[in-house]
């Protein structure tokens, strides 16, 4: 994103390789991985496609549905590679994965791989609009309406102290692997808060659910679309208005809200040309926030395996996915 979110662990019987084992990068666009070979060696007579799976549950929902349809309707073997956001771009450029189905905006990688190296091509809109922000629970905002204005946050810092945040209020983030502006925002807005990482999207969800159960206040980095809003209503804190000029600043100087981002798909350039039915299908893959949240909730809340959640959605929504198969 460039948001960075961890969203419940993917449970799948397909091949999942860790980012650590597959990728060796030192930072944003630092490693040129375009020369690497694919980790999968399929027999020549088997059609295969390899999809990147990011850690948040919305991304897992995309992949679960795409995988099920690619396998059942088009006869492909689908391999999955779990990667963090930036390493996913490196893997896509080198051909270790064929597609990323949900990207929240990575300008540095777009310039390097789409514009300069031309090893990655846009795959079209996912159909979902993403937004990151700081959120407080609705029950707390109803009692303290002014907490939804960032200038008033310090007034409530004492109520948001935790053992992890010490003498400051806690701003809860998810995974340290997420690309966020939160530390810069806290510093540049002069707020009496400390960013504390829950460790993953799943851990962050568990903490939010626990806070809500006890009706305790919290301030959290969070994002839409996300099924948890159905269970724990939250209200966004109004940060300084986003602008392109603000976004163009050095990361450590950011002092405005996150943008609203139409989420994008990206394909390996060679796969886009030679990927046949799979590439055509992935370019047409386009669904709504409601659809994604439905599958995400089945995975994260109902504890269904991703494939089972995908199968249930597919059974109920043929009018949506059959258009993706049109030749």
C-alpha atoms as a PDB file:
ATOM      1  CA  UNK A   1       0.000   0.000   0.000  1.00  0.00           C
ATOM      2  CA  UNK A   2       2.185   1.716  -0.630  1.00  0.00           C
ATOM      3  CA  UNK A   3       0.430   0.739   2.219  1.00  0.00           C
ATOM      4  CA  UNK A   4       1.681  -2.071   3.919  1.00  0.00           C
ATOM      5  CA  UNK A   5      -0.528  -4.359   5.615  1.00  0.00           C
ATOM      6  CA  UNK A   6      -0.355  -7.935   6.849  1.00  0.00           C
ATOM      7  CA  UNK A   7      -3.603  -9.581   6.479  1.00  0.00           C
ATOM      8  CA  UNK A   8      -4.286 -13.132   7.907  1.00  0.00           C
ATOM      9  CA  UNK A   9      -1.985 -15.987   6.984  1.00  0.00           C
ATOM     10  CA  UNK A  10      -2.781 -17.783   3.745  1.00  0.00           C
ATOM     11  CA  UNK A  11      -3.715 -21.397   4.155  1.00  0.00           C
ATOM     12  CA  UNK A  12      -3.332 -23.262   0.874  1.00  0.00           C
ATOM     13  CA  UNK A  13      -2.221 -26.588  -0.497  1.00  0.00           C
ATOM     14  CA  UNK A  14      -0.561 -24.917  -3.450  1.00  0.00           C
ATOM     15  CA  UNK A  15       3.142 -24.169  -3.516  1.00  0.00           C
ATOM     16  CA  UNK A  16       3.978 -21.236  -1.256  1.00  0.00           C
ATOM     17  CA  UNK A  17       7.570 -20.118  -0.943  1.00  0.00           C
ATOM     18  CA  UNK A  18       8.713 -17.612   1.607  1.00  0.00           C
ATOM     19  CA  UNK A  19      10.021 -14.243   0.578  1.00  0.00           C
ATOM     20  CA  UNK A  20      13.167 -14.870   2.544  1.00  0.00           C
ATOM     21  CA  UNK A  21      13.968 -18.003   0.613  1.00  0.00           C
ATOM     22  CA  UNK A  22      13.142 -16.589  -2.786  1.00  0.00           C
ATOM     23  CA  UNK A  23      14.145 -12.966  -2.637  1.00  0.00           C
ATOM     24  CA  UNK A  24      17.273 -11.105  -1.625  1.00  0.00           C
ATOM     25  CA  UNK A  25      16.622  -7.398  -1.618  1.00  0.00           C
ATOM     26  CA  UNK A  26      18.056  -4.636   0.445  1.00  0.00           C
ATOM     27  CA  UNK A  27      15.497  -1.917  -0.067  1.00  0.00           C
ATOM     28  CA  UNK A  28      13.085  -0.158  -2.358  1.00  0.00           C
ATOM     29  CA  UNK A  29      14.205  -1.031  -5.861  1.00  0.00           C
ATOM     30  CA  UNK A  30      17.745  -1.594  -4.641  1.00  0.00           C
ATOM     31  CA  UNK A  31      18.232  -5.027  -6.161  1.00  0.00           C
ATOM     32  CA  UNK A  32      18.071  -5.748  -9.868  1.00  0.00           C
ATOM     33  CA  UNK A  33      16.458  -9.166  -9.874  1.00  0.00           C
ATOM     34  CA  UNK A  34      15.465  -9.259 -13.533  1.00  0.00           C
ATOM     35  CA  UNK A  35      18.103 -11.885 -14.375  1.00  0.00           C
ATOM     36  CA  UNK A  36      16.900 -14.552 -11.924  1.00  0.00           C
ATOM     37  CA  UNK A  37      15.262 -17.789 -13.042  1.00  0.00           C
ATOM     38  CA  UNK A  38      11.805 -18.994 -12.050  1.00  0.00           C
ATOM     39  CA  UNK A  39      11.768 -21.223  -8.919  1.00  0.00           C
ATOM     40  CA  UNK A  40       9.250 -23.555 -10.560  1.00  0.00           C
ATOM     41  CA  UNK A  41      10.131 -26.057 -13.270  1.00  0.00           C
ATOM     42  CA  UNK A  42       6.945 -27.444 -14.805  1.00  0.00           C
ATOM     43  CA  UNK A  43       6.859 -30.152 -17.485  1.00  0.00           C
ATOM     44  CA  UNK A  44       6.518 -28.658 -20.939  1.00  0.00           C
ATOM     45  CA  UNK A  45       3.017 -30.073 -21.456  1.00  0.00           C
ATOM     46  CA  UNK A  46       1.567 -28.530 -18.274  1.00  0.00           C
ATOM     47  CA  UNK A  47       0.161 -25.018 -18.377  1.00  0.00           C
ATOM     48  CA  UNK A  48       1.281 -23.093 -15.303  1.00  0.00           C
ATOM     49  CA  UNK A  49       0.893 -19.617 -13.873  1.00  0.00           C
ATOM     50  CA  UNK A  50       2.586 -18.244 -10.758  1.00  0.00           C
ATOM     51  CA  UNK A  51       0.825 -15.622  -8.664  1.00  0.00           C
ATOM     52  CA  UNK A  52       2.249 -13.349  -5.982  1.00  0.00           C
ATOM     53  CA  UNK A  53       0.379 -13.487  -2.681  1.00  0.00           C
ATOM     54  CA  UNK A  54       0.740 -10.543  -0.322  1.00  0.00           C
ATOM     55  CA  UNK A  55       0.067 -11.124   3.339  1.00  0.00           C
ATOM     56  CA  UNK A  56      -3.190  -9.178   3.818  1.00  0.00           C
ATOM     57  CA  UNK A  57      -6.439 -11.044   3.475  1.00  0.00           C
ATOM     58  CA  UNK A  58      -7.876  -8.915   0.671  1.00  0.00           C
ATOM     59  CA  UNK A  59      -4.937  -9.859  -1.547  1.00  0.00           C
ATOM     60  CA  UNK A  60      -5.388 -13.490  -0.540  1.00  0.00           C
ATOM     61  CA  UNK A  61      -9.049 -13.311  -1.551  1.00  0.00           C
ATOM     62  CA  UNK A  62      -8.100 -12.085  -5.040  1.00  0.00           C
ATOM     63  CA  UNK A  63      -5.608 -14.887  -5.512  1.00  0.00           C
ATOM     64  CA  UNK A  64      -7.887 -17.603  -4.113  1.00  0.00           C
ATOM     65  CA  UNK A  65     -10.643 -16.804  -6.612  1.00  0.00           C
ATOM     66  CA  UNK A  66      -8.229 -16.383  -9.532  1.00  0.00           C
ATOM     67  CA  UNK A  67      -6.474 -19.647  -8.664  1.00  0.00           C
ATOM     68  CA  UNK A  68      -9.711 -21.614  -8.446  1.00  0.00           C
ATOM     69  CA  UNK A  69     -10.950 -20.370 -11.819  1.00  0.00           C
ATOM     70  CA  UNK A  70      -7.603 -20.785 -13.544  1.00  0.00           C
ATOM     71  CA  UNK A  71      -7.445 -24.384 -12.351  1.00  0.00           C
ATOM     72  CA  UNK A  72     -11.071 -25.451 -12.783  1.00  0.00           C
ATOM     73  CA  UNK A  73     -12.127 -23.467 -15.836  1.00  0.00           C
ATOM     74  CA  UNK A  74      -8.895 -23.062 -17.820  1.00  0.00           C
ATOM     75  CA  UNK A  75      -6.894 -26.133 -16.789  1.00  0.00           C
ATOM     76  CA  UNK A  76      -3.807 -24.401 -15.373  1.00  0.00           C
ATOM     77  CA  UNK A  77      -1.591 -25.452 -12.540  1.00  0.00           C
ATOM     78  CA  UNK A  78      -1.298 -22.435 -10.252  1.00  0.00           C
ATOM     79  CA  UNK A  79       1.746 -21.891  -8.057  1.00  0.00           C
ATOM     80  CA  UNK A  80       1.707 -19.284  -5.294  1.00  0.00           C
ATOM     81  CA  UNK A  81       4.643 -17.277  -3.969  1.00  0.00           C
ATOM     82  CA  UNK A  82       4.142 -15.301  -0.775  1.00  0.00           C
ATOM     83  CA  UNK A  83       6.079 -12.028  -0.826  1.00  0.00           C
ATOM     84  CA  UNK A  84       6.129  -8.632   0.824  1.00  0.00           C
ATOM     85  CA  UNK A  85       5.136  -5.620  -1.241  1.00  0.00           C
ATOM     86  CA  UNK A  86       8.433  -4.401  -2.677  1.00  0.00           C
ATOM     87  CA  UNK A  87      10.036  -7.842  -3.161  1.00  0.00           C
ATOM     88  CA  UNK A  88       6.907  -8.814  -5.108  1.00  0.00           C
ATOM     89  CA  UNK A  89       7.834  -6.228  -7.744  1.00  0.00           C
ATOM     90  CA  UNK A  90      11.363  -7.586  -8.002  1.00  0.00           C
ATOM     91  CA  UNK A  91      10.031 -11.136  -8.363  1.00  0.00           C
ATOM     92  CA  UNK A  92       7.554 -10.006 -11.020  1.00  0.00           C
ATOM     93  CA  UNK A  93      10.255  -8.262 -13.018  1.00  0.00           C
ATOM     94  CA  UNK A  94      12.499 -11.315 -13.021  1.00  0.00           C
ATOM     95  CA  UNK A  95       9.668 -13.681 -13.963  1.00  0.00           C
ATOM     96  CA  UNK A  96       9.585 -15.581 -10.707  1.00  0.00           C
ATOM     97  CA  UNK A  97       5.931 -14.626 -10.514  1.00  0.00           C
ATOM     98  CA  UNK A  98       3.636 -13.818 -13.424  1.00  0.00           C
ATOM     99  CA  UNK A  99       1.212 -11.400 -11.776  1.00  0.00           C
ATOM    100  CA  UNK A 100       0.474  -9.167  -8.810  1.00  0.00           C
ATOM    101  CA  UNK A 101      -3.287  -8.829  -8.406  1.00  0.00           C
ATOM    102  CA  UNK A 102      -3.411  -6.004  -5.861  1.00  0.00           C
ATOM    103  CA  UNK A 103      -0.955  -3.124  -5.740  1.00  0.00           C
ATOM    104  CA  UNK A 104      -1.501   0.000  -3.656  1.00  0.00           C
ATOM    105  CA  UNK A 105       0.972   2.205  -5.483  1.00  0.00           C
ATOM    106  CA  UNK A 106       4.774   1.957  -5.599  1.00  0.00           C
ATOM    107  CA  UNK A 107       6.069   4.857  -7.718  1.00  0.00           C
ATOM    108  CA  UNK A 108       9.741   3.890  -7.440  1.00  0.00           C
ATOM    109  CA  UNK A 109       9.083   0.365  -8.668  1.00  0.00           C
ATOM    110  CA  UNK A 110       6.745   1.580 -11.410  1.00  0.00           C
ATOM    111  CA  UNK A 111       9.446   3.880 -12.731  1.00  0.00           C
ATOM    112  CA  UNK A 112      12.177   1.235 -12.549  1.00  0.00           C
ATOM    113  CA  UNK A 113      10.327  -1.729 -13.982  1.00  0.00           C
ATOM    114  CA  UNK A 114       7.408  -0.325 -16.011  1.00  0.00           C
ATOM    115  CA  UNK A 115       8.951   2.823 -17.484  1.00  0.00           C
ATOM    116  CA  UNK A 116      12.690   2.120 -17.573  1.00  0.00           C
ATOM    117  CA  UNK A 117      13.275  -1.633 -17.809  1.00  0.00           C
ATOM    118  CA  UNK A 118       9.857  -2.419 -19.309  1.00  0.00           C
ATOM    119  CA  UNK A 119       9.879  -5.827 -17.629  1.00  0.00           C
ATOM    120  CA  UNK A 120       6.466  -5.228 -16.033  1.00  0.00           C
ATOM    121  CA  UNK A 121       3.256  -3.982 -17.642  1.00  0.00           C
ATOM    122  CA  UNK A 122       0.002  -2.694 -16.114  1.00  0.00           C
ATOM    123  CA  UNK A 123      -2.702  -5.337 -15.931  1.00  0.00           C
ATOM    124  CA  UNK A 124      -5.642  -2.997 -15.389  1.00  0.00           C
ATOM    125  CA  UNK A 125      -7.805  -1.934 -12.467  1.00  0.00           C
ATOM    126  CA  UNK A 126      -8.733  -4.547  -9.877  1.00  0.00           C
ATOM    127  CA  UNK A 127     -12.074  -2.772  -9.422  1.00  0.00           C
ATOM    128  CA  UNK A 128     -11.425  -1.969  -5.764  1.00  0.00           C
ATOM    129  CA  UNK A 129     -10.473   1.446  -4.384  1.00  0.00           C
ATOM    130  CA  UNK A 130      -8.127   1.423  -1.423  1.00  0.00           C
ATOM    131  CA  UNK A 131      -7.642   3.986   1.306  1.00  0.00           C
ATOM    132  CA  UNK A 132      -5.345   3.989   4.324  1.00  0.00           C
ATOM    133  CA  UNK A 133      -5.862   6.153   7.359  1.00  0.00           C
ATOM    134  CA  UNK A 134      -5.853   6.395  11.131  1.00  0.00           C
ATOM    135  CA  UNK A 135      -9.000   5.074  12.756  1.00  0.00           C
ATOM    136  CA  UNK A 136     -10.646   5.115  16.169  1.00  0.00           C
ATOM    137  CA  UNK A 137     -13.599   2.952  17.278  1.00  0.00           C
ATOM    138  CA  UNK A 138     -17.013   4.478  16.598  1.00  0.00           C
ATOM    139  CA  UNK A 139     -18.113   3.946  20.198  1.00  0.00           C
ATOM    140  CA  UNK A 140     -15.230   6.136  21.399  1.00  0.00           C
ATOM    141  CA  UNK A 141     -15.731   8.772  18.718  1.00  0.00           C
ATOM    142  CA  UNK A 142     -19.369   9.087  19.764  1.00  0.00           C
ATOM    143  CA  UNK A 143     -18.258   9.953  23.291  1.00  0.00           C
ATOM    144  CA  UNK A 144     -15.418  12.226  22.131  1.00  0.00           C
ATOM    145  CA  UNK A 145     -16.275  13.628  18.671  1.00  0.00           C
ATOM    146  CA  UNK A 146     -13.208  15.873  18.607  1.00  0.00           C
ATOM    147  CA  UNK A 147     -10.862  12.852  18.610  1.00  0.00           C
ATOM    148  CA  UNK A 148     -11.468  12.543  14.872  1.00  0.00           C
ATOM    149  CA  UNK A 149      -9.399  15.710  14.270  1.00  0.00           C
ATOM    150  CA  UNK A 150      -5.643  15.092  14.393  1.00  0.00           C
ATOM    151  CA  UNK A 151      -4.952  18.345  16.244  1.00  0.00           C
ATOM    152  CA  UNK A 152      -6.855  16.962  19.218  1.00  0.00           C
ATOM    153  CA  UNK A 153      -5.116  13.604  19.430  1.00  0.00           C
ATOM    154  CA  UNK A 154      -2.598  14.686  22.061  1.00  0.00           C
ATOM    155  CA  UNK A 155      -5.522  15.471  24.346  1.00  0.00           C
ATOM    156  CA  UNK A 156      -6.213  11.728  24.435  1.00  0.00           C
ATOM    157  CA  UNK A 157      -2.655  10.392  24.417  1.00  0.00           C
ATOM    158  CA  UNK A 158      -2.784   9.405  28.088  1.00  0.00           C
ATOM    159  CA  UNK A 159      -5.820   7.207  27.455  1.00  0.00           C
ATOM    160  CA  UNK A 160      -3.954   5.409  24.675  1.00  0.00           C
ATOM    161  CA  UNK A 161      -0.786   4.556  26.549  1.00  0.00           C
ATOM    162  CA  UNK A 162       0.253   0.899  26.563  1.00  0.00           C
ATOM    163  CA  UNK A 163       3.241  -0.964  27.974  1.00  0.00           C
ATOM    164  CA  UNK A 164       4.679  -0.947  24.450  1.00  0.00           C
ATOM    165  CA  UNK A 165       4.253   2.789  23.918  1.00  0.00           C
ATOM    166  CA  UNK A 166       5.560   3.833  27.340  1.00  0.00           C
ATOM    167  CA  UNK A 167       4.748   7.435  28.256  1.00  0.00           C
ATOM    168  CA  UNK A 168       3.260   8.164  24.822  1.00  0.00           C
ATOM    169  CA  UNK A 169      -0.018   7.254  23.222  1.00  0.00           C
ATOM    170  CA  UNK A 170      -0.027   4.169  21.025  1.00  0.00           C
ATOM    171  CA  UNK A 171      -0.631   4.327  17.285  1.00  0.00           C
ATOM    172  CA  UNK A 172      -1.067   0.675  16.365  1.00  0.00           C
ATOM    173  CA  UNK A 173       0.299  -0.485  13.019  1.00  0.00           C
ATOM    174  CA  UNK A 174       0.262  -3.974  11.526  1.00  0.00           C
ATOM    175  CA  UNK A 175       3.375  -5.550  10.048  1.00  0.00           C
ATOM    176  CA  UNK A 176       6.769  -3.824  10.059  1.00  0.00           C
ATOM    177  CA  UNK A 177       6.980  -4.868   6.394  1.00  0.00           C
ATOM    178  CA  UNK A 178       4.200  -2.462   5.435  1.00  0.00           C
ATOM    179  CA  UNK A 179       5.197   0.721   3.645  1.00  0.00           C
ATOM    180  CA  UNK A 180       3.600   3.418   5.803  1.00  0.00           C
ATOM    181  CA  UNK A 181       4.066   7.095   6.575  1.00  0.00           C
ATOM    182  CA  UNK A 182       3.078   6.773  10.212  1.00  0.00           C
ATOM    183  CA  UNK A 183       6.401   7.398  11.921  1.00  0.00           C
ATOM    184  CA  UNK A 184       6.966  10.458   9.743  1.00  0.00           C
ATOM    185  CA  UNK A 185       3.445  11.719  10.422  1.00  0.00           C
ATOM    186  CA  UNK A 186       3.847  11.384  14.190  1.00  0.00           C
ATOM    187  CA  UNK A 187       7.150  13.263  14.055  1.00  0.00           C
ATOM    188  CA  UNK A 188       6.167  15.957  11.573  1.00  0.00           C
ATOM    189  CA  UNK A 189       2.801  16.678  13.177  1.00  0.00           C
ATOM    190  CA  UNK A 190       4.464  16.864  16.587  1.00  0.00           C
ATOM    191  CA  UNK A 191       2.230  14.243  18.172  1.00  0.00           C
ATOM    192  CA  UNK A 192       2.838  12.621  21.539  1.00  0.00           C
ATOM    193  CA  UNK A 193       2.505   9.124  20.129  1.00  0.00           C
ATOM    194  CA  UNK A 194       4.617   6.076  19.342  1.00  0.00           C
ATOM    195  CA  UNK A 195       4.041   3.697  16.434  1.00  0.00           C
ATOM    196  CA  UNK A 196       3.735   0.157  17.806  1.00  0.00           C
ATOM    197  CA  UNK A 197       3.609  -2.799  15.414  1.00  0.00           C
ATOM    198  CA  UNK A 198       1.193  -5.617  16.148  1.00  0.00           C
ATOM    199  CA  UNK A 199       3.313  -7.856  13.921  1.00  0.00           C
ATOM    200  CA  UNK A 200       0.812  -8.840  11.250  1.00  0.00           C
ATOM    201  CA  UNK A 201      -2.654  -8.051   9.995  1.00  0.00           C
ATOM    202  CA  UNK A 202      -4.010 -11.064  11.873  1.00  0.00           C
ATOM    203  CA  UNK A 203      -2.436  -9.880  15.132  1.00  0.00           C
ATOM    204  CA  UNK A 204      -3.724  -6.353  14.569  1.00  0.00           C
ATOM    205  CA  UNK A 205      -7.249  -7.652  13.963  1.00  0.00           C
ATOM    206  CA  UNK A 206      -7.080  -9.692  17.161  1.00  0.00           C
ATOM    207  CA  UNK A 207      -6.026  -6.627  19.151  1.00  0.00           C
ATOM    208  CA  UNK A 208      -8.767  -4.468  17.634  1.00  0.00           C
ATOM    209  CA  UNK A 209     -11.359  -7.138  18.392  1.00  0.00           C
ATOM    210  CA  UNK A 210     -10.140  -7.356  21.992  1.00  0.00           C
ATOM    211  CA  UNK A 211     -10.242  -3.583  22.440  1.00  0.00           C
ATOM    212  CA  UNK A 212     -13.765  -3.534  21.006  1.00  0.00           C
ATOM    213  CA  UNK A 213     -14.935  -6.373  23.243  1.00  0.00           C
ATOM    214  CA  UNK A 214     -13.786  -4.401  26.282  1.00  0.00           C
ATOM    215  CA  UNK A 215     -14.991  -1.062  24.816  1.00  0.00           C
ATOM    216  CA  UNK A 216     -11.497   0.367  25.194  1.00  0.00           C
ATOM    217  CA  UNK A 217     -10.207   3.254  23.070  1.00  0.00           C
ATOM    218  CA  UNK A 218      -7.571   2.693  20.405  1.00  0.00           C
ATOM    219  CA  UNK A 219      -5.920   4.533  17.518  1.00  0.00           C
ATOM    220  CA  UNK A 220      -4.909   2.333  14.619  1.00  0.00           C
ATOM    221  CA  UNK A 221      -3.489   2.446  11.129  1.00  0.00           C
ATOM    222  CA  UNK A 222      -6.153   0.718   9.065  1.00  0.00           C
ATOM    223  CA  UNK A 223      -7.486   0.600   5.537  1.00  0.00           C
ATOM    224  CA  UNK A 224     -10.415   0.053   3.283  1.00  0.00           C
ATOM    225  CA  UNK A 225     -11.631  -2.260   1.902  1.00  0.00           C
ATOM    226  CA  UNK A 226     -11.525  -4.435   4.994  1.00  0.00           C
ATOM    227  CA  UNK A 227     -14.181  -6.812   6.282  1.00  0.00           C
ATOM    228  CA  UNK A 228     -13.462  -5.920   9.944  1.00  0.00           C
ATOM    229  CA  UNK A 229     -15.433  -2.664   9.599  1.00  0.00           C
ATOM    230  CA  UNK A 230     -18.561  -4.861   9.543  1.00  0.00           C
ATOM    231  CA  UNK A 231     -17.681  -6.219  12.975  1.00  0.00           C
ATOM    232  CA  UNK A 232     -15.991  -3.205  14.574  1.00  0.00           C
ATOM    233  CA  UNK A 233     -17.275   0.127  13.175  1.00  0.00           C
ATOM    234  CA  UNK A 234     -14.463   2.685  13.055  1.00  0.00           C
ATOM    235  CA  UNK A 235     -14.211   6.379  12.241  1.00  0.00           C
ATOM    236  CA  UNK A 236     -11.296   7.906  10.375  1.00  0.00           C
ATOM    237  CA  UNK A 237      -9.201  10.624  11.985  1.00  0.00           C
ATOM    238  CA  UNK A 238      -8.912  13.663   9.736  1.00  0.00           C
ATOM    239  CA  UNK A 239      -5.229  14.207   8.954  1.00  0.00           C
ATOM    240  CA  UNK A 240      -3.907  17.217   6.996  1.00  0.00           C
ATOM    241  CA  UNK A 241      -5.314  17.065   3.472  1.00  0.00           C
ATOM    242  CA  UNK A 242      -3.452  14.931   0.959  1.00  0.00           C
ATOM    243  CA  UNK A 243      -1.755  16.686  -1.946  1.00  0.00           C
ATOM    244  CA  UNK A 244       0.567  15.620  -4.727  1.00  0.00           C
ATOM    245  CA  UNK A 245       3.118  18.111  -3.442  1.00  0.00           C
ATOM    246  CA  UNK A 246       3.060  16.458  -0.040  1.00  0.00           C
ATOM    247  CA  UNK A 247       3.353  12.992  -1.555  1.00  0.00           C
ATOM    248  CA  UNK A 248       6.402  14.130  -3.546  1.00  0.00           C
ATOM    249  CA  UNK A 249       8.343  14.924  -0.369  1.00  0.00           C
ATOM    250  CA  UNK A 250      11.011  12.619   0.996  1.00  0.00           C
ATOM    251  CA  UNK A 251       9.371   9.805   3.002  1.00  0.00           C
ATOM    252  CA  UNK A 252      10.660  11.204   6.277  1.00  0.00           C
ATOM    253  CA  UNK A 253       9.053  14.586   5.512  1.00  0.00           C
ATOM    254  CA  UNK A 254       5.500  13.429   4.772  1.00  0.00           C
ATOM    255  CA  UNK A 255       2.954  15.405   6.794  1.00  0.00           C
ATOM    256  CA  UNK A 256      -0.405  14.757   5.114  1.00  0.00           C
ATOM    257  CA  UNK A 257      -3.069  12.084   4.800  1.00  0.00           C
ATOM    258  CA  UNK A 258      -2.771   8.991   2.650  1.00  0.00           C
ATOM    259  CA  UNK A 259      -4.260   9.112  -0.859  1.00  0.00           C
ATOM    260  CA  UNK A 260      -7.277   7.220  -2.099  1.00  0.00           C
ATOM    261  CA  UNK A 261      -5.935   4.672  -4.567  1.00  0.00           C
ATOM    262  CA  UNK A 262      -7.648   2.632  -7.301  1.00  0.00           C
ATOM    263  CA  UNK A 263      -5.900  -0.696  -6.782  1.00  0.00           C
ATOM    264  CA  UNK A 264      -3.985  -2.051  -9.770  1.00  0.00           C
ATOM    265  CA  UNK A 265      -2.846  -5.348 -11.258  1.00  0.00           C
ATOM    266  CA  UNK A 266       0.564  -5.833 -12.844  1.00  0.00           C
ATOM    267  CA  UNK A 267       1.895  -8.586 -15.089  1.00  0.00           C
ATOM    268  CA  UNK A 268       5.358  -9.700 -16.070  1.00  0.00           C
ATOM    269  CA  UNK A 269       5.880  -8.225 -19.551  1.00  0.00           C
ATOM    270  CA  UNK A 270       6.787 -11.530 -21.193  1.00  0.00           C
ATOM    271  CA  UNK A 271       3.877 -13.322 -19.532  1.00  0.00           C
ATOM    272  CA  UNK A 272       1.528 -10.575 -20.702  1.00  0.00           C
ATOM    273  CA  UNK A 273       2.485 -11.340 -24.304  1.00  0.00           C
ATOM    274  CA  UNK A 274       2.858 -15.121 -24.136  1.00  0.00           C
ATOM    275  CA  UNK A 275       0.649 -16.101 -21.211  1.00  0.00           C
ATOM    276  CA  UNK A 276      -2.280 -17.108 -23.366  1.00  0.00           C
ATOM    277  CA  UNK A 277      -5.623 -17.647 -21.678  1.00  0.00           C
ATOM    278  CA  UNK A 278      -4.180 -17.078 -18.211  1.00  0.00           C
ATOM    279  CA  UNK A 279      -2.863 -13.613 -19.063  1.00  0.00           C
ATOM    280  CA  UNK A 280      -6.128 -12.670 -20.792  1.00  0.00           C
ATOM    281  CA  UNK A 281      -8.125 -13.901 -17.782  1.00  0.00           C
ATOM    282  CA  UNK A 282      -6.026 -11.973 -15.239  1.00  0.00           C
ATOM    283  CA  UNK A 283      -6.333  -8.759 -17.261  1.00  0.00           C
ATOM    284  CA  UNK A 284     -10.121  -9.129 -17.130  1.00  0.00           C
ATOM    285  CA  UNK A 285     -10.223 -10.044 -13.428  1.00  0.00           C
ATOM    286  CA  UNK A 286     -12.257  -7.168 -11.982  1.00  0.00           C
ATOM    287  CA  UNK A 287     -14.539  -7.272  -8.979  1.00  0.00           C
ATOM    288  CA  UNK A 288     -16.056  -5.032  -6.322  1.00  0.00           C
ATOM    289  CA  UNK A 289     -15.117  -4.145  -2.775  1.00  0.00           C
ATOM    290  CA  UNK A 290     -18.230  -6.045  -1.658  1.00  0.00           C
ATOM    291  CA  UNK A 291     -17.059  -9.175  -3.478  1.00  0.00           C
ATOM    292  CA  UNK A 292     -13.554  -8.975  -2.039  1.00  0.00           C
ATOM    293  CA  UNK A 293     -14.820  -8.356   1.484  1.00  0.00           C
ATOM    294  CA  UNK A 294     -17.157 -11.339   1.241  1.00  0.00           C
ATOM    295  CA  UNK A 295     -14.311 -13.722   0.425  1.00  0.00           C
ATOM    296  CA  UNK A 296     -11.959 -12.030   2.899  1.00  0.00           C
ATOM    297  CA  UNK A 297     -14.438 -12.404   5.730  1.00  0.00           C
ATOM    298  CA  UNK A 298     -14.916 -16.093   4.984  1.00  0.00           C
ATOM    299  CA  UNK A 299     -11.134 -16.586   5.160  1.00  0.00           C
ATOM    300  CA  UNK A 300     -10.327 -14.416   8.171  1.00  0.00           C
ATOM    301  CA  UNK A 301     -13.479 -14.529  10.287  1.00  0.00           C
ATOM    302  CA  UNK A 302     -15.188 -17.783   9.355  1.00  0.00           C
ATOM    303  CA  UNK A 303     -11.792 -19.538   9.122  1.00  0.00           C
ATOM    304  CA  UNK A 304     -12.454 -21.163   5.772  1.00  0.00           C
ATOM    305  CA  UNK A 305      -9.490 -22.249   3.676  1.00  0.00           C
ATOM    306  CA  UNK A 306      -8.975 -19.731   0.833  1.00  0.00           C
ATOM    307  CA  UNK A 307      -9.901 -22.318  -1.775  1.00  0.00           C
ATOM    308  CA  UNK A 308     -13.137 -23.162   0.033  1.00  0.00           C
ATOM    309  CA  UNK A 309     -14.040 -19.482   0.386  1.00  0.00           C
ATOM    310  CA  UNK A 310     -13.310 -18.937  -3.301  1.00  0.00           C
ATOM    311  CA  UNK A 311     -15.432 -21.933  -4.301  1.00  0.00           C
ATOM    312  CA  UNK A 312     -18.378 -20.622  -2.289  1.00  0.00           C
ATOM    313  CA  UNK A 313     -18.128 -17.167  -3.878  1.00  0.00           C
ATOM    314  CA  UNK A 314     -17.778 -18.668  -7.360  1.00  0.00           C
ATOM    315  CA  UNK A 315     -20.918 -20.748  -6.888  1.00  0.00           C
ATOM    316  CA  UNK A 316     -22.896 -17.652  -5.900  1.00  0.00           C
ATOM    317  CA  UNK A 317     -21.556 -15.192  -8.494  1.00  0.00           C
ATOM    318  CA  UNK A 318     -21.337 -16.783 -11.956  1.00  0.00           C
ATOM    319  CA  UNK A 319     -22.517 -13.606 -13.677  1.00  0.00           C
ATOM    320  CA  UNK A 320     -19.439 -11.784 -12.401  1.00  0.00           C
ATOM    321  CA  UNK A 321     -16.662 -14.264 -13.127  1.00  0.00           C
ATOM    322  CA  UNK A 322     -17.902 -15.720 -16.397  1.00  0.00           C
ATOM    323  CA  UNK A 323     -17.154 -12.356 -18.028  1.00  0.00           C
ATOM    324  CA  UNK A 324     -13.492 -12.856 -17.134  1.00  0.00           C
ATOM    325  CA  UNK A 325     -13.419 -15.986 -19.297  1.00  0.00           C
ATOM    326  CA  UNK A 326     -14.874 -14.404 -22.421  1.00  0.00           C
ATOM    327  CA  UNK A 327     -12.505 -14.910 -25.343  1.00  0.00           C
END
